[in-house]
N, C-alpha and C. Protein backbone atom coordinates (compact mmCIF):
# COMPACT_ATOMS: atom_id res chain seq x y z
N MET A 1 -77.92 -12.43 -71.51
CA MET A 1 -77.27 -11.87 -70.59
C MET A 1 -76.95 -10.42 -71.18
N GLY A 2 -76.26 -9.75 -70.75
CA GLY A 2 -76.39 -8.86 -70.56
C GLY A 2 -74.69 -8.41 -71.22
N ALA A 3 -74.68 -6.95 -71.61
CA ALA A 3 -73.05 -6.57 -72.12
C ALA A 3 -71.82 -6.75 -70.84
N VAL A 4 -71.00 -7.12 -70.91
CA VAL A 4 -70.16 -7.02 -70.09
C VAL A 4 -68.80 -5.73 -70.32
N PRO A 5 -68.80 -4.85 -68.59
CA PRO A 5 -67.79 -3.64 -69.20
C PRO A 5 -66.12 -4.54 -69.09
N TYR A 6 -65.37 -4.07 -69.76
CA TYR A 6 -63.93 -3.82 -69.19
C TYR A 6 -63.02 -2.28 -69.26
N GLU A 7 -61.45 -3.02 -68.71
CA GLU A 7 -61.14 -1.60 -68.95
C GLU A 7 -59.44 -2.27 -69.18
N TYR A 8 -59.11 -0.85 -69.24
CA TYR A 8 -57.37 -0.90 -69.36
C TYR A 8 -56.95 -0.05 -69.44
N PHE A 9 -55.89 -0.04 -68.50
CA PHE A 9 -54.28 1.69 -68.79
C PHE A 9 -53.21 1.34 -69.51
N VAL A 10 -53.24 1.88 -70.00
CA VAL A 10 -51.65 1.69 -71.18
C VAL A 10 -50.88 2.28 -70.81
N LYS A 11 -49.76 2.67 -71.06
CA LYS A 11 -48.24 3.80 -71.04
C LYS A 11 -49.16 4.82 -72.24
N TYR A 12 -48.79 5.99 -72.08
CA TYR A 12 -49.49 7.06 -72.65
C TYR A 12 -48.58 7.07 -74.14
N GLN A 13 -48.88 7.71 -74.88
CA GLN A 13 -47.71 7.37 -76.66
C GLN A 13 -49.26 8.68 -77.10
N PRO A 14 -48.27 9.62 -77.69
CA PRO A 14 -49.05 10.98 -78.57
C PRO A 14 -50.22 9.95 -80.08
N ASP A 15 -50.20 8.78 -80.28
CA ASP A 15 -50.85 8.09 -81.15
C ASP A 15 -51.80 7.53 -80.38
N ILE A 16 -53.16 7.68 -80.30
CA ILE A 16 -53.68 6.90 -80.17
C ILE A 16 -54.24 6.07 -80.59
N ASP A 17 -54.62 5.51 -81.73
CA ASP A 17 -54.93 4.65 -82.51
C ASP A 17 -53.58 3.82 -82.48
N ALA A 18 -52.62 3.71 -82.37
CA ALA A 18 -51.46 3.17 -82.28
C ALA A 18 -51.30 2.35 -80.70
N ALA A 19 -51.59 3.05 -79.71
CA ALA A 19 -51.95 2.82 -78.64
C ALA A 19 -52.99 2.06 -78.80
N LEU A 20 -54.04 1.93 -79.39
CA LEU A 20 -55.22 1.08 -78.46
C LEU A 20 -54.95 -0.56 -80.09
N GLN A 21 -53.96 -0.20 -80.74
CA GLN A 21 -53.91 -1.59 -81.75
C GLN A 21 -52.02 -2.68 -80.94
N ASP A 22 -51.57 -1.64 -80.42
CA ASP A 22 -51.04 -2.01 -79.57
C ASP A 22 -51.52 -3.41 -78.12
N LEU A 23 -52.64 -2.25 -77.40
CA LEU A 23 -53.66 -2.75 -76.35
C LEU A 23 -54.40 -3.99 -77.03
N ARG A 24 -54.68 -4.42 -78.01
CA ARG A 24 -55.28 -5.29 -79.03
C ARG A 24 -54.66 -6.06 -79.18
N GLN A 25 -52.92 -6.57 -79.31
CA GLN A 25 -52.54 -7.31 -79.82
C GLN A 25 -51.97 -7.76 -78.37
N GLN A 26 -51.39 -6.72 -77.98
CA GLN A 26 -50.94 -7.77 -76.51
C GLN A 26 -52.54 -8.04 -75.68
N GLU A 27 -53.88 -8.27 -75.52
CA GLU A 27 -54.45 -8.56 -75.08
C GLU A 27 -54.89 -10.07 -76.08
N PHE A 28 -54.67 -10.29 -77.18
CA PHE A 28 -55.02 -11.50 -78.23
C PHE A 28 -53.65 -12.14 -77.89
N ARG A 29 -52.30 -11.56 -78.21
CA ARG A 29 -51.34 -12.74 -77.69
C ARG A 29 -51.49 -13.27 -76.27
N ALA A 30 -52.02 -12.99 -75.04
CA ALA A 30 -52.19 -13.18 -73.55
C ALA A 30 -53.15 -14.03 -73.69
N GLY A 31 -54.66 -14.16 -74.15
CA GLY A 31 -55.21 -15.07 -74.61
C GLY A 31 -56.60 -14.09 -73.70
N ARG A 32 -56.50 -13.37 -73.59
CA ARG A 32 -57.62 -12.40 -72.47
C ARG A 32 -58.70 -12.25 -73.56
N TYR A 33 -59.75 -13.12 -73.84
CA TYR A 33 -60.75 -12.73 -74.60
C TYR A 33 -61.32 -14.00 -74.80
N ASN A 34 -62.53 -13.75 -74.86
CA ASN A 34 -63.56 -14.69 -75.10
C ASN A 34 -63.95 -15.65 -76.76
N PRO A 35 -63.91 -16.93 -77.09
CA PRO A 35 -63.99 -17.95 -76.17
C PRO A 35 -63.07 -18.52 -75.17
N VAL A 36 -61.49 -17.84 -74.99
CA VAL A 36 -60.29 -18.53 -74.42
C VAL A 36 -60.63 -18.26 -73.15
N ILE A 37 -61.39 -17.31 -72.37
CA ILE A 37 -61.38 -17.29 -70.83
C ILE A 37 -63.11 -16.55 -71.08
N ALA A 38 -63.94 -16.74 -70.93
CA ALA A 38 -65.37 -16.28 -70.66
C ALA A 38 -65.82 -15.23 -70.52
N PHE A 39 -65.29 -14.71 -69.74
CA PHE A 39 -65.45 -13.05 -68.90
C PHE A 39 -64.06 -12.53 -69.08
N PRO A 40 -63.28 -11.86 -70.12
CA PRO A 40 -61.84 -11.70 -69.52
C PRO A 40 -61.35 -10.34 -68.72
N GLY A 41 -62.95 -9.64 -69.03
CA GLY A 41 -62.78 -8.14 -68.64
C GLY A 41 -63.58 -8.01 -66.89
N THR A 42 -63.96 -8.96 -66.56
CA THR A 42 -64.16 -8.88 -65.00
C THR A 42 -63.35 -9.70 -64.03
N ILE A 43 -61.89 -9.74 -64.45
CA ILE A 43 -61.37 -10.32 -63.68
C ILE A 43 -60.75 -9.75 -63.10
N THR A 44 -60.77 -9.82 -61.61
CA THR A 44 -59.80 -8.50 -60.62
C THR A 44 -58.60 -9.27 -60.34
N GLY A 45 -58.19 -8.83 -60.11
CA GLY A 45 -56.21 -9.10 -59.50
C GLY A 45 -55.81 -9.54 -60.58
N PRO A 46 -54.61 -10.81 -60.21
CA PRO A 46 -54.07 -10.85 -61.37
C PRO A 46 -54.41 -11.78 -62.69
N LYS A 47 -54.24 -11.41 -63.79
CA LYS A 47 -54.86 -11.31 -65.25
C LYS A 47 -54.53 -12.80 -65.73
N PRO A 48 -54.89 -13.29 -65.63
CA PRO A 48 -54.80 -15.10 -66.39
C PRO A 48 -54.12 -14.89 -68.06
N SER A 49 -53.16 -15.44 -68.55
CA SER A 49 -52.44 -15.52 -69.48
C SER A 49 -51.89 -16.67 -70.20
N PRO A 50 -53.38 -17.10 -70.84
CA PRO A 50 -53.59 -18.66 -71.47
C PRO A 50 -52.47 -18.87 -73.13
N GLY A 51 -52.10 -16.96 -73.29
CA GLY A 51 -52.25 -17.63 -74.83
C GLY A 51 -52.95 -17.49 -75.72
N ALA A 52 -52.64 -16.81 -77.09
CA ALA A 52 -53.45 -17.13 -77.57
C ALA A 52 -54.28 -18.33 -78.26
N GLN A 53 -55.39 -18.30 -78.39
CA GLN A 53 -55.65 -19.71 -79.19
C GLN A 53 -56.29 -19.70 -80.25
N HIS A 54 -56.04 -18.48 -81.22
CA HIS A 54 -56.84 -18.88 -82.83
C HIS A 54 -55.68 -18.02 -83.32
N ALA A 55 -55.31 -17.88 -84.84
CA ALA A 55 -54.40 -17.12 -85.66
C ALA A 55 -54.48 -16.06 -85.19
N THR A 56 -55.59 -14.91 -85.77
CA THR A 56 -55.42 -13.72 -85.45
C THR A 56 -56.63 -13.02 -85.20
N ILE A 57 -56.55 -12.47 -84.55
CA ILE A 57 -57.50 -11.51 -84.20
C ILE A 57 -59.09 -11.70 -84.71
N ALA A 58 -58.99 -11.07 -86.15
CA ALA A 58 -59.79 -11.44 -87.02
C ALA A 58 -60.92 -13.31 -86.52
N ASP A 59 -59.76 -13.90 -86.83
CA ASP A 59 -60.05 -15.64 -86.31
C ASP A 59 -61.03 -15.88 -84.77
N ALA A 60 -60.31 -14.68 -84.07
CA ALA A 60 -60.69 -14.80 -82.41
C ALA A 60 -62.14 -14.17 -82.68
N ILE A 61 -62.91 -13.24 -83.07
CA ILE A 61 -63.37 -12.14 -83.35
C ILE A 61 -64.66 -13.56 -84.37
N ARG A 62 -64.14 -13.63 -84.95
CA ARG A 62 -65.30 -15.12 -85.67
C ARG A 62 -65.89 -15.93 -84.57
N ALA A 63 -64.36 -16.59 -84.53
CA ALA A 63 -65.08 -17.63 -83.10
C ALA A 63 -66.09 -17.74 -82.15
N SER A 64 -65.80 -15.52 -81.46
CA SER A 64 -66.58 -15.75 -80.30
C SER A 64 -68.26 -15.59 -80.85
N GLY A 65 -68.71 -15.00 -81.84
CA GLY A 65 -69.91 -15.25 -82.61
C GLY A 65 -70.60 -14.12 -81.91
N ALA A 66 -72.03 -14.05 -81.74
CA ALA A 66 -72.49 -13.01 -81.45
C ALA A 66 -71.97 -12.57 -79.96
N ASP A 67 -71.44 -12.51 -78.97
CA ASP A 67 -71.20 -12.17 -78.07
C ASP A 67 -70.08 -11.78 -77.74
N GLY A 68 -69.05 -11.59 -79.29
CA GLY A 68 -67.96 -10.54 -79.22
C GLY A 68 -66.47 -11.22 -78.19
N THR A 69 -65.80 -10.81 -78.33
CA THR A 69 -64.62 -11.26 -77.35
C THR A 69 -64.54 -11.08 -76.04
N ARG A 70 -66.02 -9.91 -75.77
CA ARG A 70 -65.53 -9.26 -74.32
C ARG A 70 -64.31 -8.60 -74.38
N SER A 71 -64.27 -8.15 -75.17
CA SER A 71 -62.76 -7.52 -74.93
C SER A 71 -62.23 -6.19 -75.47
N ILE A 72 -61.17 -5.68 -75.67
CA ILE A 72 -60.95 -4.55 -76.60
C ILE A 72 -60.64 -5.26 -77.90
N LEU A 73 -60.33 -6.28 -77.67
CA LEU A 73 -60.52 -7.03 -79.45
C LEU A 73 -61.73 -6.07 -80.48
N ASP A 74 -62.74 -6.29 -79.69
CA ASP A 74 -64.09 -6.14 -79.98
C ASP A 74 -64.09 -4.72 -80.95
N LEU A 75 -63.30 -3.96 -80.57
CA LEU A 75 -62.78 -1.86 -79.99
C LEU A 75 -61.81 -2.34 -81.55
N ASP A 76 -62.02 -2.09 -82.84
CA ASP A 76 -60.96 -1.64 -83.82
C ASP A 76 -60.41 -0.41 -83.88
N HIS A 77 -61.16 0.44 -83.76
CA HIS A 77 -60.52 1.80 -84.25
C HIS A 77 -61.11 3.25 -83.12
N VAL A 78 -60.34 4.44 -83.62
CA VAL A 78 -60.72 5.39 -82.82
C VAL A 78 -61.67 6.08 -83.88
N SER A 79 -62.98 6.39 -83.25
CA SER A 79 -63.37 7.77 -84.09
C SER A 79 -63.76 8.69 -83.00
N PRO A 80 -63.69 10.09 -83.73
CA PRO A 80 -64.14 11.12 -82.66
C PRO A 80 -65.20 11.50 -82.28
N HIS A 81 -66.44 10.90 -82.53
CA HIS A 81 -67.81 10.42 -81.60
C HIS A 81 -67.70 8.71 -81.93
N PRO A 82 -68.46 8.65 -81.21
CA PRO A 82 -69.10 7.25 -80.13
C PRO A 82 -69.51 6.88 -81.66
N ALA A 83 -69.04 5.52 -81.69
CA ALA A 83 -69.43 4.46 -82.51
C ALA A 83 -69.01 3.21 -82.62
N PHE A 84 -70.26 2.31 -83.27
CA PHE A 84 -69.97 1.42 -82.75
C PHE A 84 -68.50 0.59 -83.61
N LEU A 85 -68.05 -0.46 -82.46
CA LEU A 85 -66.64 -1.15 -82.40
C LEU A 85 -65.39 -0.30 -82.64
N ALA A 86 -65.55 1.14 -81.82
CA ALA A 86 -64.97 2.32 -81.77
C ALA A 86 -64.57 2.64 -80.53
N VAL A 87 -63.53 3.23 -80.54
CA VAL A 87 -63.67 3.80 -79.14
C VAL A 87 -63.07 5.82 -79.47
N SER A 88 -63.80 6.02 -78.47
CA SER A 88 -63.70 7.94 -79.21
C SER A 88 -63.52 8.19 -77.74
N PRO A 89 -62.56 9.71 -77.73
CA PRO A 89 -62.60 10.72 -76.58
C PRO A 89 -63.84 10.81 -75.58
N VAL A 90 -63.46 11.25 -74.48
CA VAL A 90 -64.75 11.49 -74.24
C VAL A 90 -64.71 13.20 -73.72
N ASP A 91 -65.83 13.76 -74.45
CA ASP A 91 -65.39 15.32 -74.28
C ASP A 91 -64.90 16.11 -72.62
N PRO A 92 -64.03 16.89 -73.27
CA PRO A 92 -63.99 17.66 -71.83
C PRO A 92 -64.60 18.10 -71.02
N SER A 93 -65.81 18.99 -71.42
CA SER A 93 -66.69 19.10 -70.52
C SER A 93 -67.56 18.06 -69.52
N GLN A 94 -67.25 16.48 -70.21
CA GLN A 94 -67.73 15.70 -69.10
C GLN A 94 -66.41 15.43 -68.14
N LEU A 95 -65.55 15.57 -68.57
CA LEU A 95 -63.86 15.33 -67.71
C LEU A 95 -64.18 15.94 -66.78
N GLN A 96 -64.64 17.20 -66.71
CA GLN A 96 -64.53 18.53 -65.76
C GLN A 96 -65.78 18.34 -64.90
N GLN A 97 -66.88 17.54 -65.50
CA GLN A 97 -67.57 17.28 -64.39
C GLN A 97 -67.15 16.36 -63.46
N TRP A 98 -66.99 15.14 -63.88
CA TRP A 98 -66.85 14.30 -63.51
C TRP A 98 -65.53 14.19 -62.28
N TYR A 99 -64.58 15.05 -63.04
CA TYR A 99 -62.93 15.21 -62.20
C TYR A 99 -62.84 16.59 -61.24
N GLY A 100 -63.65 17.47 -62.13
CA GLY A 100 -63.41 18.57 -61.76
C GLY A 100 -61.87 19.18 -62.42
N THR A 101 -61.56 18.39 -63.19
CA THR A 101 -60.41 19.07 -64.10
C THR A 101 -61.01 18.55 -65.91
N THR A 102 -59.63 18.89 -66.67
CA THR A 102 -59.66 17.94 -68.14
C THR A 102 -58.42 16.87 -68.18
N GLN A 103 -57.16 16.90 -66.89
CA GLN A 103 -56.68 16.27 -66.99
C GLN A 103 -56.91 15.62 -65.82
N PRO A 104 -57.11 14.40 -65.41
CA PRO A 104 -58.01 13.59 -64.70
C PRO A 104 -56.47 12.66 -64.37
N THR A 105 -56.24 12.11 -62.84
CA THR A 105 -54.87 11.49 -62.99
C THR A 105 -55.15 9.69 -62.59
N ARG A 106 -54.89 8.57 -62.70
CA ARG A 106 -55.33 7.24 -62.80
C ARG A 106 -55.71 7.32 -61.53
N ALA A 107 -56.05 7.91 -60.35
CA ALA A 107 -56.68 7.70 -58.93
C ALA A 107 -57.98 8.06 -59.17
N MET A 108 -58.20 9.29 -60.10
CA MET A 108 -59.75 10.51 -60.08
C MET A 108 -60.05 9.06 -60.76
N VAL A 109 -60.03 8.07 -62.25
CA VAL A 109 -60.67 7.49 -63.17
C VAL A 109 -60.66 6.30 -62.44
N GLU A 110 -60.15 5.60 -61.42
CA GLU A 110 -60.44 4.78 -60.55
C GLU A 110 -60.98 4.47 -59.83
N GLN A 111 -61.62 6.16 -59.29
CA GLN A 111 -62.85 6.43 -57.79
C GLN A 111 -63.93 6.53 -58.44
N ASN A 112 -63.70 7.21 -59.70
CA ASN A 112 -64.89 7.65 -60.08
C ASN A 112 -65.11 7.05 -61.77
N MET A 113 -66.07 6.07 -61.87
CA MET A 113 -66.23 5.13 -63.29
C MET A 113 -67.60 5.47 -63.66
N GLU A 114 -68.27 6.89 -63.94
CA GLU A 114 -69.61 7.22 -63.79
C GLU A 114 -69.57 7.49 -65.62
N PHE A 115 -68.99 7.40 -66.71
CA PHE A 115 -68.53 7.02 -67.81
C PHE A 115 -69.14 5.61 -68.14
N PHE A 116 -68.92 4.29 -67.36
CA PHE A 116 -69.49 3.72 -68.10
C PHE A 116 -71.16 3.85 -68.49
N GLU A 117 -72.26 4.52 -67.72
CA GLU A 117 -73.41 5.08 -67.70
C GLU A 117 -73.57 5.50 -68.86
N ASP A 118 -72.71 5.81 -69.80
CA ASP A 118 -73.24 6.74 -70.82
C ASP A 118 -72.38 5.67 -71.91
N ILE A 119 -72.04 4.68 -72.20
CA ILE A 119 -71.20 3.54 -72.75
C ILE A 119 -72.41 2.80 -73.62
N GLU A 120 -72.46 3.11 -74.82
CA GLU A 120 -73.46 1.98 -75.62
C GLU A 120 -72.51 0.46 -75.32
N ARG A 121 -73.76 -1.01 -75.90
CA ARG A 121 -72.71 -2.15 -76.20
C ARG A 121 -71.95 -2.05 -77.53
N GLY A 122 -70.78 -2.44 -76.86
CA GLY A 122 -70.15 -2.53 -79.06
C GLY A 122 -69.46 -1.47 -78.82
N GLN A 123 -69.15 -0.46 -77.80
CA GLN A 123 -68.86 0.56 -77.86
C GLN A 123 -67.80 1.27 -76.87
N GLY A 124 -66.45 2.03 -76.63
CA GLY A 124 -65.80 2.05 -75.99
C GLY A 124 -65.41 4.18 -76.08
N ILE A 125 -64.22 4.21 -74.80
CA ILE A 125 -64.16 5.67 -74.56
C ILE A 125 -62.42 5.56 -74.18
N TYR A 126 -62.00 6.47 -74.31
CA TYR A 126 -60.75 6.46 -73.96
C TYR A 126 -60.73 7.67 -73.29
N ILE A 127 -59.56 8.03 -72.00
CA ILE A 127 -59.35 8.65 -71.59
C ILE A 127 -57.88 9.34 -71.52
N VAL A 128 -57.11 10.75 -71.68
CA VAL A 128 -55.92 10.41 -71.48
C VAL A 128 -55.56 10.75 -69.68
N VAL A 129 -54.70 10.06 -69.53
CA VAL A 129 -54.29 9.97 -67.63
C VAL A 129 -53.06 10.74 -67.31
N TYR A 130 -53.25 11.82 -66.19
CA TYR A 130 -52.19 12.42 -65.99
C TYR A 130 -51.19 12.45 -64.85
N LYS A 131 -50.00 12.76 -64.74
CA LYS A 131 -49.55 12.99 -63.53
C LYS A 131 -48.34 14.04 -63.79
N ASP A 132 -48.19 14.31 -62.44
CA ASP A 132 -47.74 15.44 -62.62
C ASP A 132 -48.04 16.56 -63.39
N GLY A 133 -48.62 16.47 -64.05
CA GLY A 133 -49.18 17.66 -65.52
C GLY A 133 -49.11 16.85 -66.46
N ARG A 134 -48.69 15.46 -66.72
CA ARG A 134 -48.14 15.60 -68.09
C ARG A 134 -48.81 14.34 -68.32
N PRO A 135 -49.07 13.75 -69.77
CA PRO A 135 -49.81 12.80 -69.69
C PRO A 135 -48.64 11.72 -69.65
N ASP A 136 -49.54 10.36 -69.03
CA ASP A 136 -48.88 9.70 -68.43
C ASP A 136 -49.96 8.37 -68.73
N GLU A 137 -50.81 8.33 -68.78
CA GLU A 137 -51.22 7.36 -69.76
C GLU A 137 -52.47 6.93 -70.46
N ILE A 138 -53.28 6.07 -70.97
CA ILE A 138 -54.52 5.95 -71.40
C ILE A 138 -55.28 5.32 -71.12
N PHE A 139 -56.77 5.58 -70.54
CA PHE A 139 -57.53 4.39 -70.04
C PHE A 139 -58.87 4.36 -71.48
N PHE A 140 -58.57 2.70 -71.11
CA PHE A 140 -59.30 2.26 -72.42
C PHE A 140 -60.82 1.89 -71.39
N ALA A 141 -61.88 2.02 -71.59
CA ALA A 141 -63.04 1.39 -71.39
C ALA A 141 -64.17 0.90 -72.74
N GLY A 142 -65.00 0.57 -72.14
CA GLY A 142 -65.50 -0.59 -73.09
C GLY A 142 -66.93 -1.30 -72.51
N TYR A 143 -67.81 -1.59 -74.02
CA TYR A 143 -68.91 -2.64 -73.39
C TYR A 143 -69.15 -3.52 -74.28
N SER A 144 -69.11 -4.92 -74.09
CA SER A 144 -69.13 -6.09 -74.91
C SER A 144 -70.11 -5.50 -75.65
N CYS A 145 -70.43 -6.75 -77.07
CA CYS A 145 -71.49 -6.77 -77.45
C CYS A 145 -72.63 -7.24 -77.32
N ASP A 146 -72.65 -8.22 -76.17
CA ASP A 146 -73.59 -8.95 -76.08
C ASP A 146 -74.64 -8.64 -75.17
């Protein structure tokens, strides 16, 4: 089985780690993780919300085994550089190359996801997304461990 990609947009907040932890809690409470939903990151359209089936995120991670949760639950911290089980910022020079700006909009990110080619299994990235010249959202993306 190959690694499974997943992606999320969340409302911007200056503390990236707090945004990550909030997102992890949101997806855990919704039950959008393996083994509750086998491939939660690949669902298009409205996402099901069966509810958490484990007492904690750590319990969900243990239950997912070697496959991982195939979701943002597997990425538990922010790192300044790519690291296993972490999200890291995309280098501004890469943003400039992909989007022609260091302040991409949501539409730009949705239309160009070349960054997936550079993400390793069990790692993730984040991009601050702009609207009207101001930070508006944080985009998180990653690949499962399996």
